[in-house]
Amino acid sequence: MPGGRFCTRCGAPAAGTAAGPRGTGGGSQRLPWYIGGGVLLLLAGILLVPMLIDDGPGAAQPVAPASAPGVVPPATPPPLTGTPREQADRLFTRIMTEIGQGDTAAARRFTPMAIGAYAMAAPLDADGLYHLAAIHLVAGDHASARATAERILAERPTHLLALAVAAEAAVAAGDSASARDYYQRLLTSYDGEVTQDLEEYEAHSRSLPGFRRLHSA
């Protein structure tokens, strides 16, 4: 995306764009940059947009743009066909597509329906909970985003996707101490965790390297 800070295909920082100020404190020194730059921008570049192009089981498929450039797409949901989980994932994809196109307002219009759809699809696996946590974050409900991520961490404390979205929720809520803890746990766990044969890691494999690039010293 011209002028963007991150590549919308891989989530990597754009050429000539630093991932954030570097200092002796590692990830903790960059927390003000994350807050100042806006959490949704980071999500669009690292957490969310890569989901739209990832391959693997459970990966969401991209949808066509809702309208021509410069025209606000109507707030009409995609057809609710298929299983409850398929319906929920379709709404998730629509939200992430709108975020990727820079239309946060349109994305947020779909969040109540998507949250309800994931409730209908319960019980959710770790991938579904990750999607739900990301949707809560887009909706601005930082507490629910973090609580949903913690449901994954209760079962797997080193889960990289859950640690990433929990960290972003903590940053958005202004809880720098918790954000540092989540980021440090992510960095400490990364090498051993990224090789684990988890379906959600395969589905979001293009997102994972970006976490360490942005949060390592």
N, C-alpha and C. Protein backbone atom coordinates (compact mmCIF):
# COMPACT_ATOMS: atom_id res chain seq x y z
N MET A 1 0.86 -1.19 0.00
CA MET A 1 0.00 0.00 0.00
C MET A 1 0.90 1.23 0.00
N PRO A 2 0.81 2.12 -1.04
CA PRO A 2 1.68 3.29 -1.10
C PRO A 2 1.56 4.12 0.16
N GLY A 3 2.76 4.50 0.70
CA GLY A 3 2.77 5.34 1.88
C GLY A 3 2.56 4.57 3.17
N GLY A 4 2.32 3.26 3.10
CA GLY A 4 2.07 2.49 4.30
C GLY A 4 3.34 2.19 5.05
N ARG A 5 3.21 1.96 6.32
CA ARG A 5 4.36 1.58 7.14
C ARG A 5 4.70 0.11 7.00
N PHE A 6 3.73 -0.72 6.61
CA PHE A 6 3.92 -2.15 6.55
C PHE A 6 3.42 -2.70 5.23
N CYS A 7 4.01 -3.80 4.80
CA CYS A 7 3.55 -4.50 3.61
C CYS A 7 2.25 -5.21 3.92
N THR A 8 1.22 -5.01 3.11
CA THR A 8 -0.07 -5.64 3.37
C THR A 8 -0.11 -7.08 2.93
N ARG A 9 0.96 -7.59 2.31
CA ARG A 9 0.99 -9.00 1.91
C ARG A 9 1.71 -9.85 2.94
N CYS A 10 2.80 -9.31 3.52
CA CYS A 10 3.56 -10.14 4.45
C CYS A 10 3.62 -9.58 5.86
N GLY A 11 3.26 -8.32 6.04
CA GLY A 11 3.28 -7.72 7.37
C GLY A 11 4.62 -7.14 7.75
N ALA A 12 5.62 -7.23 6.86
CA ALA A 12 6.94 -6.72 7.19
C ALA A 12 6.95 -5.21 7.09
N PRO A 13 7.82 -4.53 7.88
CA PRO A 13 7.93 -3.08 7.73
C PRO A 13 8.34 -2.72 6.32
N ALA A 14 7.77 -1.64 5.78
CA ALA A 14 8.09 -1.21 4.42
C ALA A 14 9.54 -0.78 4.34
N ALA A 15 10.11 -0.87 3.14
CA ALA A 15 11.49 -0.49 2.94
C ALA A 15 11.72 0.94 3.39
N GLY A 16 12.78 1.14 4.18
CA GLY A 16 13.08 2.48 4.66
C GLY A 16 12.28 2.89 5.87
N THR A 17 11.42 1.99 6.36
CA THR A 17 10.60 2.31 7.53
C THR A 17 11.10 1.52 8.72
N ALA A 18 11.47 2.18 9.76
CA ALA A 18 11.95 1.49 10.94
C ALA A 18 10.79 0.90 11.69
N ALA A 19 11.04 -0.21 12.38
CA ALA A 19 9.99 -0.85 13.15
C ALA A 19 9.66 -0.08 14.39
N GLY A 20 10.45 0.89 14.74
CA GLY A 20 10.20 1.68 15.93
C GLY A 20 11.52 2.09 16.51
N PRO A 21 11.57 3.01 17.41
CA PRO A 21 12.83 3.45 17.98
C PRO A 21 13.49 2.35 18.73
N ARG A 22 14.80 2.25 18.55
CA ARG A 22 15.55 1.21 19.24
C ARG A 22 16.29 1.84 20.41
N GLY A 23 16.40 1.07 21.46
CA GLY A 23 17.08 1.59 22.64
C GLY A 23 17.55 0.45 23.48
N THR A 24 18.11 0.78 24.60
CA THR A 24 18.68 -0.24 25.45
C THR A 24 17.64 -1.08 26.12
N GLY A 25 16.39 -0.65 26.13
CA GLY A 25 15.36 -1.38 26.84
C GLY A 25 14.62 -2.38 26.00
N GLY A 26 15.03 -2.59 24.72
CA GLY A 26 14.34 -3.57 23.90
C GLY A 26 12.90 -3.19 23.67
N GLY A 27 11.99 -4.18 23.79
CA GLY A 27 10.58 -3.97 23.52
C GLY A 27 9.96 -2.93 24.43
N SER A 28 10.43 -2.86 25.69
CA SER A 28 9.83 -1.92 26.61
C SER A 28 10.09 -0.48 26.19
N GLN A 29 11.25 -0.20 25.52
CA GLN A 29 11.54 1.15 25.08
C GLN A 29 10.67 1.57 23.91
N ARG A 30 10.08 0.61 23.21
CA ARG A 30 9.28 0.95 22.05
C ARG A 30 7.80 1.10 22.35
N LEU A 31 7.39 0.84 23.57
CA LEU A 31 5.98 0.94 23.89
C LEU A 31 5.39 2.31 23.59
N PRO A 32 6.09 3.42 23.90
CA PRO A 32 5.50 4.72 23.54
C PRO A 32 5.27 4.86 22.04
N TRP A 33 6.14 4.26 21.22
CA TRP A 33 5.95 4.33 19.77
C TRP A 33 4.68 3.61 19.35
N TYR A 34 4.43 2.44 19.95
CA TYR A 34 3.22 1.71 19.61
C TYR A 34 1.99 2.53 19.97
N ILE A 35 2.01 3.14 21.14
CA ILE A 35 0.86 3.91 21.57
C ILE A 35 0.69 5.14 20.68
N GLY A 36 1.79 5.83 20.40
CA GLY A 36 1.71 7.04 19.60
C GLY A 36 1.31 6.75 18.16
N GLY A 37 1.75 5.59 17.62
CA GLY A 37 1.46 5.27 16.24
C GLY A 37 0.07 4.74 16.01
N GLY A 38 -0.58 4.30 17.06
CA GLY A 38 -1.94 3.78 16.93
C GLY A 38 -1.95 2.27 16.83
N VAL A 39 -2.74 1.63 17.67
CA VAL A 39 -2.77 0.17 17.71
C VAL A 39 -3.34 -0.41 16.43
N LEU A 40 -4.36 0.23 15.85
CA LEU A 40 -4.97 -0.34 14.65
C LEU A 40 -4.00 -0.35 13.48
N LEU A 41 -3.09 0.62 13.39
CA LEU A 41 -2.09 0.60 12.33
C LEU A 41 -1.19 -0.61 12.49
N LEU A 42 -0.77 -0.89 13.72
CA LEU A 42 0.05 -2.07 13.96
C LEU A 42 -0.71 -3.33 13.63
N LEU A 43 -1.98 -3.38 14.02
CA LEU A 43 -2.79 -4.54 13.71
C LEU A 43 -2.89 -4.76 12.20
N ALA A 44 -3.13 -3.70 11.47
CA ALA A 44 -3.27 -3.82 10.03
C ALA A 44 -2.00 -4.34 9.40
N GLY A 45 -0.84 -3.95 9.94
CA GLY A 45 0.42 -4.36 9.33
C GLY A 45 0.91 -5.71 9.77
N ILE A 46 0.65 -6.09 11.00
CA ILE A 46 1.27 -7.29 11.55
C ILE A 46 0.26 -8.34 11.99
N LEU A 47 -0.73 -7.94 12.75
CA LEU A 47 -1.62 -8.94 13.32
C LEU A 47 -2.72 -9.39 12.38
N LEU A 48 -3.34 -8.47 11.67
CA LEU A 48 -4.60 -8.78 11.02
C LEU A 48 -4.51 -8.99 9.53
N VAL A 49 -3.92 -8.06 8.80
CA VAL A 49 -3.91 -8.20 7.35
C VAL A 49 -3.26 -9.49 6.88
N PRO A 50 -2.14 -9.95 7.48
CA PRO A 50 -1.58 -11.21 7.01
C PRO A 50 -2.55 -12.38 7.09
N MET A 51 -3.54 -12.31 7.99
CA MET A 51 -4.51 -13.40 8.08
C MET A 51 -5.25 -13.59 6.76
N LEU A 52 -5.42 -12.51 6.02
CA LEU A 52 -6.23 -12.57 4.81
C LEU A 52 -5.53 -13.31 3.69
N ILE A 53 -4.20 -13.46 3.77
CA ILE A 53 -3.48 -14.09 2.69
C ILE A 53 -2.79 -15.37 3.13
N ASP A 54 -2.88 -15.72 4.41
CA ASP A 54 -2.24 -16.94 4.89
C ASP A 54 -2.89 -18.17 4.29
N ASP A 55 -2.05 -19.18 4.10
CA ASP A 55 -2.53 -20.48 3.66
C ASP A 55 -2.65 -21.39 4.86
N GLY A 56 -3.29 -22.52 4.69
CA GLY A 56 -3.34 -23.51 5.76
C GLY A 56 -4.72 -23.74 6.26
N PRO A 57 -4.89 -24.79 7.07
CA PRO A 57 -6.21 -25.14 7.61
C PRO A 57 -6.80 -23.99 8.37
N GLY A 58 -8.08 -23.71 8.11
CA GLY A 58 -8.79 -22.70 8.87
C GLY A 58 -8.52 -21.28 8.43
N ALA A 59 -7.65 -21.08 7.41
CA ALA A 59 -7.35 -19.73 6.99
C ALA A 59 -8.56 -19.10 6.33
N ALA A 60 -8.80 -17.85 6.67
CA ALA A 60 -9.90 -17.13 6.06
C ALA A 60 -9.51 -16.70 4.65
N GLN A 61 -10.48 -16.66 3.74
CA GLN A 61 -10.22 -16.26 2.37
C GLN A 61 -10.62 -14.81 2.17
N PRO A 62 -9.83 -14.06 1.35
CA PRO A 62 -10.17 -12.66 1.13
C PRO A 62 -11.45 -12.51 0.34
N VAL A 63 -12.11 -11.38 0.55
CA VAL A 63 -13.30 -11.08 -0.21
C VAL A 63 -13.03 -9.88 -1.10
N ALA A 64 -13.82 -9.70 -2.14
CA ALA A 64 -13.63 -8.59 -3.05
C ALA A 64 -13.97 -7.29 -2.35
N PRO A 65 -13.31 -6.17 -2.76
CA PRO A 65 -13.65 -4.88 -2.17
C PRO A 65 -15.12 -4.58 -2.34
N ALA A 66 -15.73 -3.95 -1.34
CA ALA A 66 -17.16 -3.71 -1.36
C ALA A 66 -17.54 -2.58 -2.29
N SER A 67 -16.60 -1.70 -2.66
CA SER A 67 -16.95 -0.57 -3.50
C SER A 67 -15.71 -0.02 -4.15
N ALA A 68 -15.90 0.92 -5.06
CA ALA A 68 -14.78 1.56 -5.72
C ALA A 68 -14.01 2.41 -4.72
N PRO A 69 -12.71 2.67 -5.00
CA PRO A 69 -11.92 3.51 -4.09
C PRO A 69 -12.61 4.85 -3.83
N GLY A 70 -12.60 5.25 -2.56
CA GLY A 70 -13.17 6.53 -2.19
C GLY A 70 -14.64 6.47 -1.85
N VAL A 71 -15.29 5.32 -2.06
CA VAL A 71 -16.71 5.17 -1.76
C VAL A 71 -16.86 4.31 -0.52
N VAL A 72 -17.55 4.79 0.48
CA VAL A 72 -17.75 4.03 1.71
C VAL A 72 -18.65 2.84 1.42
N PRO A 73 -18.19 1.60 1.70
CA PRO A 73 -19.02 0.44 1.41
C PRO A 73 -20.23 0.39 2.33
N PRO A 74 -21.35 -0.12 1.85
CA PRO A 74 -22.54 -0.21 2.70
C PRO A 74 -22.33 -1.23 3.80
N ALA A 75 -22.96 -1.01 4.93
CA ALA A 75 -22.82 -1.91 6.08
C ALA A 75 -23.79 -3.08 5.93
N THR A 76 -23.57 -3.88 4.90
CA THR A 76 -24.38 -5.08 4.70
C THR A 76 -23.51 -6.29 4.90
N PRO A 77 -23.96 -7.27 5.63
CA PRO A 77 -23.13 -8.43 5.94
C PRO A 77 -23.00 -9.35 4.73
N PRO A 78 -21.92 -10.16 4.69
CA PRO A 78 -21.84 -11.19 3.68
C PRO A 78 -22.91 -12.24 3.94
N PRO A 79 -23.27 -13.01 2.92
CA PRO A 79 -24.32 -14.01 3.12
C PRO A 79 -23.96 -14.99 4.23
N LEU A 80 -24.89 -15.21 5.14
CA LEU A 80 -24.64 -16.12 6.25
C LEU A 80 -25.06 -17.53 5.88
N THR A 81 -24.18 -18.19 5.17
CA THR A 81 -24.41 -19.57 4.77
C THR A 81 -23.32 -20.43 5.37
N GLY A 82 -23.56 -21.74 5.38
CA GLY A 82 -22.56 -22.65 5.93
C GLY A 82 -22.76 -22.88 7.42
N THR A 83 -21.75 -23.47 8.03
CA THR A 83 -21.80 -23.76 9.46
C THR A 83 -21.67 -22.47 10.26
N PRO A 84 -22.06 -22.48 11.55
CA PRO A 84 -21.86 -21.28 12.37
C PRO A 84 -20.42 -20.77 12.37
N ARG A 85 -19.44 -21.68 12.41
CA ARG A 85 -18.04 -21.24 12.39
C ARG A 85 -17.68 -20.62 11.04
N GLU A 86 -18.17 -21.19 9.96
CA GLU A 86 -17.90 -20.61 8.64
C GLU A 86 -18.52 -19.21 8.53
N GLN A 87 -19.70 -19.05 9.09
CA GLN A 87 -20.34 -17.74 9.08
C GLN A 87 -19.51 -16.74 9.87
N ALA A 88 -19.04 -17.17 11.04
CA ALA A 88 -18.24 -16.28 11.88
C ALA A 88 -16.94 -15.90 11.19
N ASP A 89 -16.28 -16.88 10.59
CA ASP A 89 -15.02 -16.60 9.91
C ASP A 89 -15.22 -15.69 8.70
N ARG A 90 -16.37 -15.81 8.04
CA ARG A 90 -16.65 -14.93 6.90
C ARG A 90 -16.79 -13.48 7.36
N LEU A 91 -17.43 -13.28 8.50
CA LEU A 91 -17.54 -11.93 9.05
C LEU A 91 -16.17 -11.41 9.50
N PHE A 92 -15.38 -12.28 10.09
CA PHE A 92 -14.03 -11.92 10.49
C PHE A 92 -13.23 -11.43 9.27
N THR A 93 -13.34 -12.18 8.17
CA THR A 93 -12.63 -11.80 6.95
C THR A 93 -13.09 -10.45 6.45
N ARG A 94 -14.38 -10.19 6.50
CA ARG A 94 -14.91 -8.90 6.05
C ARG A 94 -14.34 -7.77 6.91
N ILE A 95 -14.31 -7.96 8.21
CA ILE A 95 -13.76 -6.94 9.11
C ILE A 95 -12.31 -6.67 8.80
N MET A 96 -11.53 -7.74 8.63
CA MET A 96 -10.11 -7.57 8.37
C MET A 96 -9.86 -6.94 6.99
N THR A 97 -10.72 -7.24 6.04
CA THR A 97 -10.61 -6.62 4.72
C THR A 97 -10.81 -5.12 4.82
N GLU A 98 -11.83 -4.70 5.58
CA GLU A 98 -12.08 -3.27 5.75
C GLU A 98 -10.91 -2.60 6.47
N ILE A 99 -10.35 -3.25 7.49
CA ILE A 99 -9.18 -2.71 8.17
C ILE A 99 -8.03 -2.57 7.19
N GLY A 100 -7.80 -3.60 6.37
CA GLY A 100 -6.72 -3.56 5.39
C GLY A 100 -6.88 -2.44 4.38
N GLN A 101 -8.13 -2.06 4.10
CA GLN A 101 -8.40 -0.97 3.17
C GLN A 101 -8.43 0.39 3.87
N GLY A 102 -8.16 0.38 5.17
CA GLY A 102 -8.10 1.63 5.91
C GLY A 102 -9.43 2.17 6.38
N ASP A 103 -10.49 1.36 6.28
CA ASP A 103 -11.82 1.84 6.67
C ASP A 103 -12.20 1.24 8.02
N THR A 104 -11.67 1.83 9.08
CA THR A 104 -11.92 1.33 10.43
C THR A 104 -13.39 1.44 10.81
N ALA A 105 -14.04 2.52 10.37
CA ALA A 105 -15.45 2.71 10.71
C ALA A 105 -16.31 1.60 10.13
N ALA A 106 -16.07 1.24 8.87
CA ALA A 106 -16.82 0.15 8.25
C ALA A 106 -16.54 -1.16 8.96
N ALA A 107 -15.28 -1.40 9.33
CA ALA A 107 -14.93 -2.63 10.04
C ALA A 107 -15.67 -2.73 11.36
N ARG A 108 -15.75 -1.63 12.07
CA ARG A 108 -16.39 -1.66 13.39
C ARG A 108 -17.90 -1.88 13.29
N ARG A 109 -18.50 -1.51 12.17
CA ARG A 109 -19.93 -1.75 12.03
C ARG A 109 -20.26 -3.24 12.01
N PHE A 110 -19.31 -4.06 11.62
CA PHE A 110 -19.56 -5.50 11.55
C PHE A 110 -19.19 -6.23 12.83
N THR A 111 -18.50 -5.55 13.76
CA THR A 111 -18.00 -6.27 14.93
C THR A 111 -19.10 -6.85 15.83
N PRO A 112 -20.22 -6.16 16.08
CA PRO A 112 -21.24 -6.80 16.94
C PRO A 112 -21.79 -8.09 16.34
N MET A 113 -22.02 -8.08 15.02
CA MET A 113 -22.53 -9.28 14.37
C MET A 113 -21.49 -10.41 14.43
N ALA A 114 -20.22 -10.06 14.23
CA ALA A 114 -19.17 -11.08 14.25
C ALA A 114 -19.00 -11.67 15.64
N ILE A 115 -19.05 -10.84 16.66
CA ILE A 115 -18.93 -11.35 18.03
C ILE A 115 -20.09 -12.29 18.35
N GLY A 116 -21.29 -11.92 17.92
CA GLY A 116 -22.44 -12.81 18.12
C GLY A 116 -22.29 -14.11 17.35
N ALA A 117 -21.72 -14.03 16.14
CA ALA A 117 -21.53 -15.23 15.34
C ALA A 117 -20.55 -16.19 15.99
N TYR A 118 -19.47 -15.67 16.56
CA TYR A 118 -18.53 -16.56 17.25
C TYR A 118 -19.15 -17.14 18.52
N ALA A 119 -20.04 -16.41 19.17
CA ALA A 119 -20.75 -16.97 20.32
C ALA A 119 -21.61 -18.15 19.88
N MET A 120 -22.24 -18.03 18.72
CA MET A 120 -23.06 -19.12 18.19
C MET A 120 -22.21 -20.33 17.79
N ALA A 121 -20.94 -20.08 17.44
CA ALA A 121 -20.05 -21.14 16.98
C ALA A 121 -19.33 -21.84 18.13
N ALA A 122 -19.56 -21.42 19.36
CA ALA A 122 -18.88 -22.02 20.52
C ALA A 122 -19.22 -23.51 20.63
N PRO A 123 -18.27 -24.28 21.22
CA PRO A 123 -16.98 -23.88 21.77
C PRO A 123 -15.95 -23.62 20.68
N LEU A 124 -15.09 -22.64 20.91
CA LEU A 124 -14.10 -22.24 19.92
C LEU A 124 -12.75 -22.85 20.23
N ASP A 125 -12.03 -23.20 19.16
CA ASP A 125 -10.65 -23.63 19.31
C ASP A 125 -9.76 -22.39 19.45
N ALA A 126 -8.45 -22.61 19.56
CA ALA A 126 -7.54 -21.48 19.78
C ALA A 126 -7.57 -20.50 18.61
N ASP A 127 -7.70 -21.01 17.39
CA ASP A 127 -7.76 -20.13 16.23
C ASP A 127 -9.02 -19.25 16.28
N GLY A 128 -10.14 -19.84 16.63
CA GLY A 128 -11.37 -19.07 16.74
C GLY A 128 -11.30 -18.03 17.84
N LEU A 129 -10.68 -18.38 18.97
CA LEU A 129 -10.53 -17.42 20.06
C LEU A 129 -9.60 -16.28 19.65
N TYR A 130 -8.57 -16.59 18.89
CA TYR A 130 -7.68 -15.55 18.39
C TYR A 130 -8.44 -14.58 17.49
N HIS A 131 -9.25 -15.13 16.57
CA HIS A 131 -10.07 -14.27 15.72
C HIS A 131 -10.98 -13.38 16.57
N LEU A 132 -11.62 -13.97 17.55
CA LEU A 132 -12.55 -13.23 18.40
C LEU A 132 -11.83 -12.14 19.17
N ALA A 133 -10.65 -12.44 19.70
CA ALA A 133 -9.89 -11.43 20.43
C ALA A 133 -9.52 -10.27 19.51
N ALA A 134 -9.13 -10.58 18.28
CA ALA A 134 -8.77 -9.53 17.33
C ALA A 134 -9.99 -8.66 17.00
N ILE A 135 -11.15 -9.27 16.88
CA ILE A 135 -12.37 -8.51 16.60
C ILE A 135 -12.70 -7.58 17.76
N HIS A 136 -12.58 -8.08 18.98
CA HIS A 136 -12.80 -7.22 20.16
C HIS A 136 -11.85 -6.02 20.13
N LEU A 137 -10.61 -6.25 19.70
CA LEU A 137 -9.64 -5.17 19.66
C LEU A 137 -10.03 -4.13 18.62
N VAL A 138 -10.49 -4.58 17.46
CA VAL A 138 -10.96 -3.65 16.43
C VAL A 138 -12.15 -2.85 16.96
N ALA A 139 -13.01 -3.51 17.73
CA ALA A 139 -14.20 -2.84 18.28
C ALA A 139 -13.85 -1.85 19.39
N GLY A 140 -12.61 -1.87 19.86
CA GLY A 140 -12.21 -0.98 20.94
C GLY A 140 -12.48 -1.52 22.32
N ASP A 141 -12.87 -2.80 22.40
CA ASP A 141 -13.13 -3.44 23.69
C ASP A 141 -11.85 -4.15 24.13
N HIS A 142 -10.93 -3.39 24.68
CA HIS A 142 -9.61 -3.92 25.01
C HIS A 142 -9.68 -4.97 26.11
N ALA A 143 -10.57 -4.78 27.07
CA ALA A 143 -10.69 -5.74 28.16
C ALA A 143 -11.15 -7.10 27.64
N SER A 144 -12.14 -7.13 26.75
CA SER A 144 -12.61 -8.40 26.20
C SER A 144 -11.57 -9.04 25.31
N ALA A 145 -10.83 -8.22 24.56
CA ALA A 145 -9.76 -8.75 23.71
C ALA A 145 -8.73 -9.47 24.57
N ARG A 146 -8.33 -8.84 25.65
CA ARG A 146 -7.32 -9.45 26.52
C ARG A 146 -7.87 -10.68 27.23
N ALA A 147 -9.12 -10.60 27.70
CA ALA A 147 -9.71 -11.74 28.39
C ALA A 147 -9.83 -12.94 27.46
N THR A 148 -10.17 -12.69 26.19
CA THR A 148 -10.29 -13.79 25.23
C THR A 148 -8.92 -14.39 24.95
N ALA A 149 -7.90 -13.55 24.80
CA ALA A 149 -6.55 -14.07 24.61
C ALA A 149 -6.11 -14.90 25.82
N GLU A 150 -6.49 -14.45 27.01
CA GLU A 150 -6.11 -15.19 28.22
C GLU A 150 -6.76 -16.58 28.28
N ARG A 151 -7.90 -16.74 27.61
CA ARG A 151 -8.51 -18.07 27.55
C ARG A 151 -7.59 -19.04 26.81
N ILE A 152 -6.89 -18.56 25.79
CA ILE A 152 -5.92 -19.40 25.09
C ILE A 152 -4.71 -19.64 25.98
N LEU A 153 -4.23 -18.58 26.62
CA LEU A 153 -3.03 -18.68 27.45
C LEU A 153 -3.25 -19.56 28.68
N ALA A 154 -4.48 -19.68 29.12
CA ALA A 154 -4.76 -20.57 30.25
C ALA A 154 -4.45 -22.02 29.89
N GLU A 155 -4.63 -22.36 28.62
CA GLU A 155 -4.34 -23.71 28.16
C GLU A 155 -2.91 -23.85 27.67
N ARG A 156 -2.37 -22.78 27.09
CA ARG A 156 -1.01 -22.79 26.53
C ARG A 156 -0.37 -21.43 26.80
N PRO A 157 0.36 -21.30 27.89
CA PRO A 157 0.90 -19.99 28.30
C PRO A 157 1.89 -19.39 27.31
N THR A 158 2.44 -20.21 26.42
CA THR A 158 3.43 -19.71 25.45
C THR A 158 2.83 -19.48 24.07
N HIS A 159 1.52 -19.48 23.95
CA HIS A 159 0.88 -19.35 22.64
C HIS A 159 1.19 -17.98 22.03
N LEU A 160 1.88 -17.99 20.89
CA LEU A 160 2.40 -16.75 20.31
C LEU A 160 1.29 -15.81 19.85
N LEU A 161 0.27 -16.34 19.19
CA LEU A 161 -0.81 -15.49 18.71
C LEU A 161 -1.56 -14.83 19.86
N ALA A 162 -1.81 -15.61 20.91
CA ALA A 162 -2.52 -15.07 22.07
C ALA A 162 -1.68 -14.03 22.78
N LEU A 163 -0.38 -14.27 22.91
CA LEU A 163 0.49 -13.29 23.56
C LEU A 163 0.54 -12.00 22.77
N ALA A 164 0.54 -12.11 21.44
CA ALA A 164 0.60 -10.91 20.60
C ALA A 164 -0.66 -10.06 20.75
N VAL A 165 -1.82 -10.69 20.66
CA VAL A 165 -3.05 -9.90 20.73
C VAL A 165 -3.28 -9.40 22.16
N ALA A 166 -2.88 -10.17 23.16
CA ALA A 166 -2.99 -9.69 24.55
C ALA A 166 -2.09 -8.49 24.77
N ALA A 167 -0.90 -8.51 24.19
CA ALA A 167 0.01 -7.38 24.31
C ALA A 167 -0.57 -6.13 23.67
N GLU A 168 -1.15 -6.28 22.48
CA GLU A 168 -1.75 -5.13 21.81
C GLU A 168 -2.93 -4.58 22.61
N ALA A 169 -3.71 -5.47 23.21
CA ALA A 169 -4.83 -5.02 24.03
C ALA A 169 -4.33 -4.25 25.25
N ALA A 170 -3.23 -4.72 25.84
CA ALA A 170 -2.67 -4.03 26.99
C ALA A 170 -2.14 -2.65 26.60
N VAL A 171 -1.47 -2.57 25.44
CA VAL A 171 -0.98 -1.28 24.95
C VAL A 171 -2.15 -0.32 24.75
N ALA A 172 -3.20 -0.81 24.09
CA ALA A 172 -4.36 0.04 23.80
C ALA A 172 -5.02 0.54 25.08
N ALA A 173 -4.97 -0.27 26.13
CA ALA A 173 -5.58 0.11 27.40
C ALA A 173 -4.64 0.96 28.26
N GLY A 174 -3.42 1.18 27.78
CA GLY A 174 -2.47 1.99 28.54
C GLY A 174 -1.77 1.23 29.65
N ASP A 175 -1.83 -0.11 29.62
CA ASP A 175 -1.20 -0.93 30.65
C ASP A 175 0.18 -1.36 30.14
N SER A 176 1.15 -0.46 30.24
CA SER A 176 2.48 -0.72 29.69
C SER A 176 3.19 -1.87 30.38
N ALA A 177 2.99 -2.00 31.69
CA ALA A 177 3.67 -3.07 32.42
C ALA A 177 3.23 -4.44 31.93
N SER A 178 1.93 -4.63 31.76
CA SER A 178 1.44 -5.91 31.26
C SER A 178 1.87 -6.14 29.82
N ALA A 179 1.87 -5.08 29.02
CA ALA A 179 2.30 -5.21 27.62
C ALA A 179 3.74 -5.69 27.56
N ARG A 180 4.62 -5.13 28.38
CA ARG A 180 6.02 -5.57 28.41
C ARG A 180 6.12 -7.04 28.77
N ASP A 181 5.29 -7.47 29.73
CA ASP A 181 5.32 -8.86 30.15
C ASP A 181 4.90 -9.79 29.01
N TYR A 182 3.82 -9.43 28.32
CA TYR A 182 3.38 -10.26 27.20
C TYR A 182 4.43 -10.30 26.10
N TYR A 183 5.01 -9.15 25.76
CA TYR A 183 6.01 -9.11 24.71
C TYR A 183 7.23 -9.95 25.09
N GLN A 184 7.67 -9.84 26.35
CA GLN A 184 8.83 -10.61 26.79
C GLN A 184 8.55 -12.10 26.74
N ARG A 185 7.38 -12.50 27.16
CA ARG A 185 7.01 -13.91 27.07
C ARG A 185 6.98 -14.39 25.64
N LEU A 186 6.51 -13.55 24.72
CA LEU A 186 6.49 -13.91 23.31
C LEU A 186 7.90 -14.13 22.80
N LEU A 187 8.81 -13.19 23.11
CA LEU A 187 10.19 -13.31 22.63
C LEU A 187 10.89 -14.52 23.23
N THR A 188 10.68 -14.75 24.50
CA THR A 188 11.32 -15.87 25.18
C THR A 188 10.83 -17.20 24.62
N SER A 189 9.56 -17.28 24.28
CA SER A 189 8.96 -18.54 23.84
C SER A 189 9.09 -18.78 22.34
N TYR A 190 9.44 -17.75 21.59
CA TYR A 190 9.27 -17.80 20.14
C TYR A 190 9.96 -18.99 19.47
N ASP A 191 11.27 -19.16 19.70
CA ASP A 191 12.02 -20.18 18.96
C ASP A 191 11.47 -21.57 19.18
N GLY A 192 11.14 -21.91 20.42
CA GLY A 192 10.61 -23.24 20.68
C GLY A 192 9.16 -23.39 20.27
N GLU A 193 8.41 -22.30 20.33
CA GLU A 193 6.98 -22.39 20.09
C GLU A 193 6.64 -22.38 18.60
N VAL A 194 7.39 -21.63 17.81
CA VAL A 194 7.03 -21.46 16.40
C VAL A 194 7.14 -22.76 15.62
N THR A 195 7.90 -23.70 16.12
CA THR A 195 8.06 -24.99 15.42
C THR A 195 6.99 -26.00 15.80
N GLN A 196 6.10 -25.65 16.73
CA GLN A 196 5.07 -26.59 17.16
C GLN A 196 4.03 -26.78 16.07
N ASP A 197 3.53 -28.00 15.97
CA ASP A 197 2.58 -28.35 14.91
C ASP A 197 1.17 -28.01 15.36
N LEU A 198 0.87 -26.71 15.36
CA LEU A 198 -0.46 -26.23 15.73
C LEU A 198 -1.16 -25.72 14.49
N GLU A 199 -2.43 -26.04 14.33
CA GLU A 199 -3.18 -25.64 13.15
C GLU A 199 -3.20 -24.14 12.97
N GLU A 200 -3.38 -23.42 14.08
CA GLU A 200 -3.46 -21.96 13.97
C GLU A 200 -2.12 -21.34 13.60
N TYR A 201 -1.01 -21.98 13.98
CA TYR A 201 0.30 -21.48 13.57
C TYR A 201 0.49 -21.66 12.07
N GLU A 202 0.02 -22.77 11.55
CA GLU A 202 0.11 -22.99 10.11
C GLU A 202 -0.78 -22.00 9.37
N ALA A 203 -1.99 -21.78 9.89
CA ALA A 203 -2.93 -20.88 9.22
C ALA A 203 -2.42 -19.44 9.20
N HIS A 204 -1.69 -19.03 10.25
CA HIS A 204 -1.22 -17.66 10.36
C HIS A 204 0.30 -17.58 10.33
N SER A 205 0.91 -18.48 9.55
CA SER A 205 2.37 -18.59 9.55
C SER A 205 3.06 -17.32 9.07
N ARG A 206 2.41 -16.54 8.21
CA ARG A 206 3.04 -15.33 7.71
C ARG A 206 3.01 -14.19 8.71
N SER A 207 2.18 -14.30 9.70
CA SER A 207 2.11 -13.26 10.73
C SER A 207 3.20 -13.44 11.78
N LEU A 208 3.57 -14.68 12.06
CA LEU A 208 4.42 -14.96 13.22
C LEU A 208 5.79 -14.28 13.18
N PRO A 209 6.53 -14.31 12.06
CA PRO A 209 7.86 -13.67 12.08
C PRO A 209 7.81 -12.18 12.39
N GLY A 210 6.74 -11.52 12.01
CA GLY A 210 6.64 -10.10 12.26
C GLY A 210 6.61 -9.75 13.73
N PHE A 211 6.07 -10.64 14.56
CA PHE A 211 6.01 -10.36 15.99
C PHE A 211 7.43 -10.17 16.54
N ARG A 212 8.33 -11.10 16.20
CA ARG A 212 9.68 -11.01 16.75
C ARG A 212 10.44 -9.84 16.14
N ARG A 213 10.24 -9.55 14.86
CA ARG A 213 10.94 -8.42 14.24
C ARG A 213 10.62 -7.11 14.93
N LEU A 214 9.34 -6.94 15.30
CA LEU A 214 8.94 -5.66 15.89
C LEU A 214 9.29 -5.54 17.36
N HIS A 215 9.33 -6.67 18.06
CA HIS A 215 9.44 -6.59 19.51
C HIS A 215 10.79 -7.00 20.06
N SER A 216 11.72 -7.44 19.18
CA SER A 216 13.04 -7.82 19.66
C SER A 216 13.95 -6.60 19.67
N ALA A 217 15.02 -6.72 20.40
CA ALA A 217 15.95 -5.59 20.52
C ALA A 217 16.73 -5.40 19.24
